[in-house]
Structures are given as structure tokens and as C-alpha cells.
Amino acid sequence: MRPSACLALAAGLVAAGLSVAFAPAASARELLMFERKGCAYCLKFDHDVAPIYEKTEEGQRAPLRRVDLSNGTPGDVVLAAPVRFTPTFVLVDEGREVGRIIGYASDEAFWGLLGSMQDTMTDRMAGARP
């Protein structure tokens, strides 16, 4: 549906007395962090990586979006499989899962796995170009 048609539909619903909420759209590329309150490994990630993530090249290529696993999967994302453990990091491109890291052991392991996923994704995209 074209954006103008979506806005017209929303305006009609509001005029009819119904509320309308738009979910934020998944960015072209982002890293979802599925977490749960009290998760010790999520806290370790928060201590080791979170303060610098957005300042890194990886963070610039795939901004971090946190998702409380208790609330389910965001409606703007299509996962390859359900998320069962926290933390789980899901690399998403245009709303579709392209890679996943289950768990958090150390910052070295995280950066290595994330870099590998991003490189693989970049290689795939370069191969798809004419």
C-alpha cells in the first residue's frame, strides 16, 4: 500500500473515532538484542559492549534495538526461528533476519561473531548486484 493510501486510511479510521498506532519500521539494517529482566549475560553485555556499541563501525552499520523477550517479537521483523534464550542478537536487514548470535560469553567473541555476520551479509549483497 502506498504511503498516501496508508495515511488516508488512518485519517478515515480516526474520523470514525478509532485510534491508530503505527509500529516503528525496522531500519534497513539493525541488530536486535532480545533480553529479559534479570538476565546476567544481558547485564554483562551492558557492562562490556553497550557503552561503546554505537560508536563502533559495527554499531554504525547496524544500530542496536533492544527487545524485551517477554513482549514477543516486534511486528516489523520476520525471524528465521523463534527466540528462546537471552541475550540473543539478531542481525536484521529490511525487516528480515540475516544472522543470529545466541548468548553472550565475552566482548571478544561478540565482536568476532558480529563482524563475521556483517561481512557475510555485505559479501552476499555485493554478489547480488549486477
Protein backbone atom coordinates (compact mmCIF):
# COMPACT_ATOMS: atom_id res chain seq x y z
CA MET A 1 0.00 0.00 0.00
CA ARG A 2 1.35 3.44 -0.93
CA PRO A 3 2.18 5.80 1.99
CA SER A 4 -0.51 8.25 0.86
CA ALA A 5 -3.10 5.45 0.90
CA CYS A 6 -1.99 4.42 4.40
CA LEU A 7 -2.38 8.00 5.63
CA ALA A 8 -5.80 8.31 4.03
CA LEU A 9 -6.92 5.05 5.65
CA ALA A 10 -5.58 6.20 9.04
CA ALA A 11 -7.36 9.55 8.70
CA GLY A 12 -10.62 7.74 7.94
CA LEU A 13 -10.24 5.49 10.99
CA VAL A 14 -9.51 8.46 13.25
CA ALA A 15 -12.52 10.30 11.82
CA ALA A 16 -14.61 7.23 12.69
CA GLY A 17 -13.47 7.51 16.30
CA LEU A 18 -10.91 4.68 16.19
CA SER A 19 -7.35 5.08 17.38
CA VAL A 20 -4.47 4.35 15.06
CA ALA A 21 -0.93 3.41 16.07
CA PHE A 22 1.96 2.91 13.72
CA ALA A 23 4.71 0.50 14.74
CA PRO A 24 8.20 1.82 14.13
CA ALA A 25 9.56 0.30 10.95
CA ALA A 26 12.70 -1.80 11.04
CA SER A 27 15.63 0.16 9.72
CA ALA A 28 17.44 -1.03 6.63
CA ARG A 29 19.92 -2.84 8.86
CA GLU A 30 19.88 -3.21 12.63
CA LEU A 31 20.89 -5.53 15.42
CA LEU A 32 18.06 -6.63 17.67
CA MET A 33 19.05 -7.62 21.19
CA PHE A 34 16.41 -9.85 22.76
CA GLU A 35 16.77 -9.52 26.52
CA ARG A 36 14.88 -10.35 29.68
CA LYS A 37 14.85 -8.63 33.07
CA GLY A 38 17.36 -10.25 35.42
CA CYS A 39 19.43 -11.86 32.64
CA ALA A 40 23.01 -11.97 33.97
CA TYR A 41 24.54 -12.25 30.50
CA CYS A 42 22.49 -9.27 29.30
CA LEU A 43 23.95 -7.27 32.20
CA LYS A 44 27.45 -8.45 31.24
CA PHE A 45 26.84 -7.25 27.67
CA ASP A 46 25.58 -3.93 29.08
CA HIS A 47 28.83 -3.58 31.03
CA ASP A 48 31.24 -4.76 28.32
CA VAL A 49 29.79 -3.64 24.98
CA ALA A 50 26.71 -1.42 25.23
CA PRO A 51 28.53 1.79 26.28
CA ILE A 52 30.65 1.80 23.10
CA TYR A 53 28.48 -0.09 20.61
CA GLU A 54 27.00 2.91 18.81
CA LYS A 55 30.48 4.48 18.45
CA THR A 56 31.90 1.50 16.57
CA GLU A 57 31.86 0.77 12.84
CA GLU A 58 29.65 -2.27 13.54
CA GLY A 59 27.26 -0.08 15.52
CA GLN A 60 27.09 2.43 12.69
CA ARG A 61 26.36 -0.35 10.18
CA ALA A 62 23.66 -1.95 12.36
CA PRO A 63 22.23 0.19 15.18
CA LEU A 64 21.18 -1.72 18.31
CA ARG A 65 17.49 -2.07 19.13
CA ARG A 66 16.60 -3.74 22.42
CA VAL A 67 13.60 -6.04 22.58
CA ASP A 68 12.13 -7.42 25.81
CA LEU A 69 11.58 -11.10 25.03
CA SER A 70 8.58 -11.09 27.39
CA ASN A 71 6.81 -8.82 24.90
CA GLY A 72 7.37 -11.15 21.94
CA THR A 73 8.80 -10.40 18.53
CA PRO A 74 8.25 -6.93 17.09
CA GLY A 75 5.66 -6.91 14.33
CA ASP A 76 8.04 -5.31 11.83
CA VAL A 77 10.55 -8.20 11.92
CA VAL A 78 10.49 -11.64 10.31
CA LEU A 79 12.64 -14.15 12.21
CA ALA A 80 14.05 -17.40 10.82
CA ALA A 81 13.16 -19.15 14.11
CA PRO A 82 11.69 -18.17 17.48
CA VAL A 83 13.99 -16.58 20.06
CA ARG A 84 14.14 -18.68 23.23
CA PHE A 85 17.25 -17.55 25.12
CA THR A 86 18.62 -14.20 26.26
CA PRO A 87 20.53 -12.47 25.13
CA THR A 88 20.02 -13.33 21.51
CA PHE A 89 21.30 -10.89 18.92
CA VAL A 90 19.54 -10.95 15.56
CA LEU A 91 21.01 -9.10 12.60
CA VAL A 92 18.13 -7.78 10.50
CA ASP A 93 18.15 -6.28 7.04
CA GLU A 94 14.97 -4.63 5.79
CA GLY A 95 12.95 -6.41 8.47
CA ARG A 96 14.27 -9.94 7.80
CA GLU A 97 16.70 -11.94 9.87
CA VAL A 98 20.06 -12.49 8.17
CA GLY A 99 22.10 -13.76 11.12
CA ARG A 100 21.95 -14.63 14.80
CA ILE A 101 24.18 -14.83 17.88
CA ILE A 102 22.73 -16.83 20.75
CA GLY A 103 24.14 -15.90 24.13
CA TYR A 104 26.97 -13.67 25.27
CA ALA A 105 30.28 -15.03 26.54
CA SER A 106 32.72 -12.15 26.11
CA ASP A 107 33.24 -8.95 24.19
CA GLU A 108 35.89 -10.62 22.01
CA ALA A 109 33.50 -13.40 20.96
CA PHE A 110 30.67 -10.93 20.36
CA TRP A 111 32.71 -8.59 18.14
CA GLY A 112 34.16 -11.50 16.18
CA LEU A 113 30.78 -13.12 15.52
CA LEU A 114 29.08 -9.82 14.69
CA GLY A 115 31.88 -8.78 12.33
CA SER A 116 31.70 -12.14 10.58
CA MET A 117 27.90 -11.86 10.17
CA GLN A 118 28.16 -8.33 8.80
CA ASP A 119 30.95 -9.30 6.40
CA THR A 120 28.93 -12.26 5.13
CA MET A 121 25.92 -10.04 4.62
CA THR A 122 27.99 -7.44 2.76
CA ASP A 123 29.52 -10.16 0.55
CA ARG A 124 26.05 -11.53 -0.27
CA MET A 125 24.80 -8.06 -1.18
CA ALA A 126 27.86 -7.40 -3.39
CA GLY A 127 27.28 -10.74 -5.17
CA ALA A 128 23.63 -9.87 -5.81
CA ARG A 129 24.49 -6.67 -7.66
CA PRO A 130 24.58 -6.74 -11.48
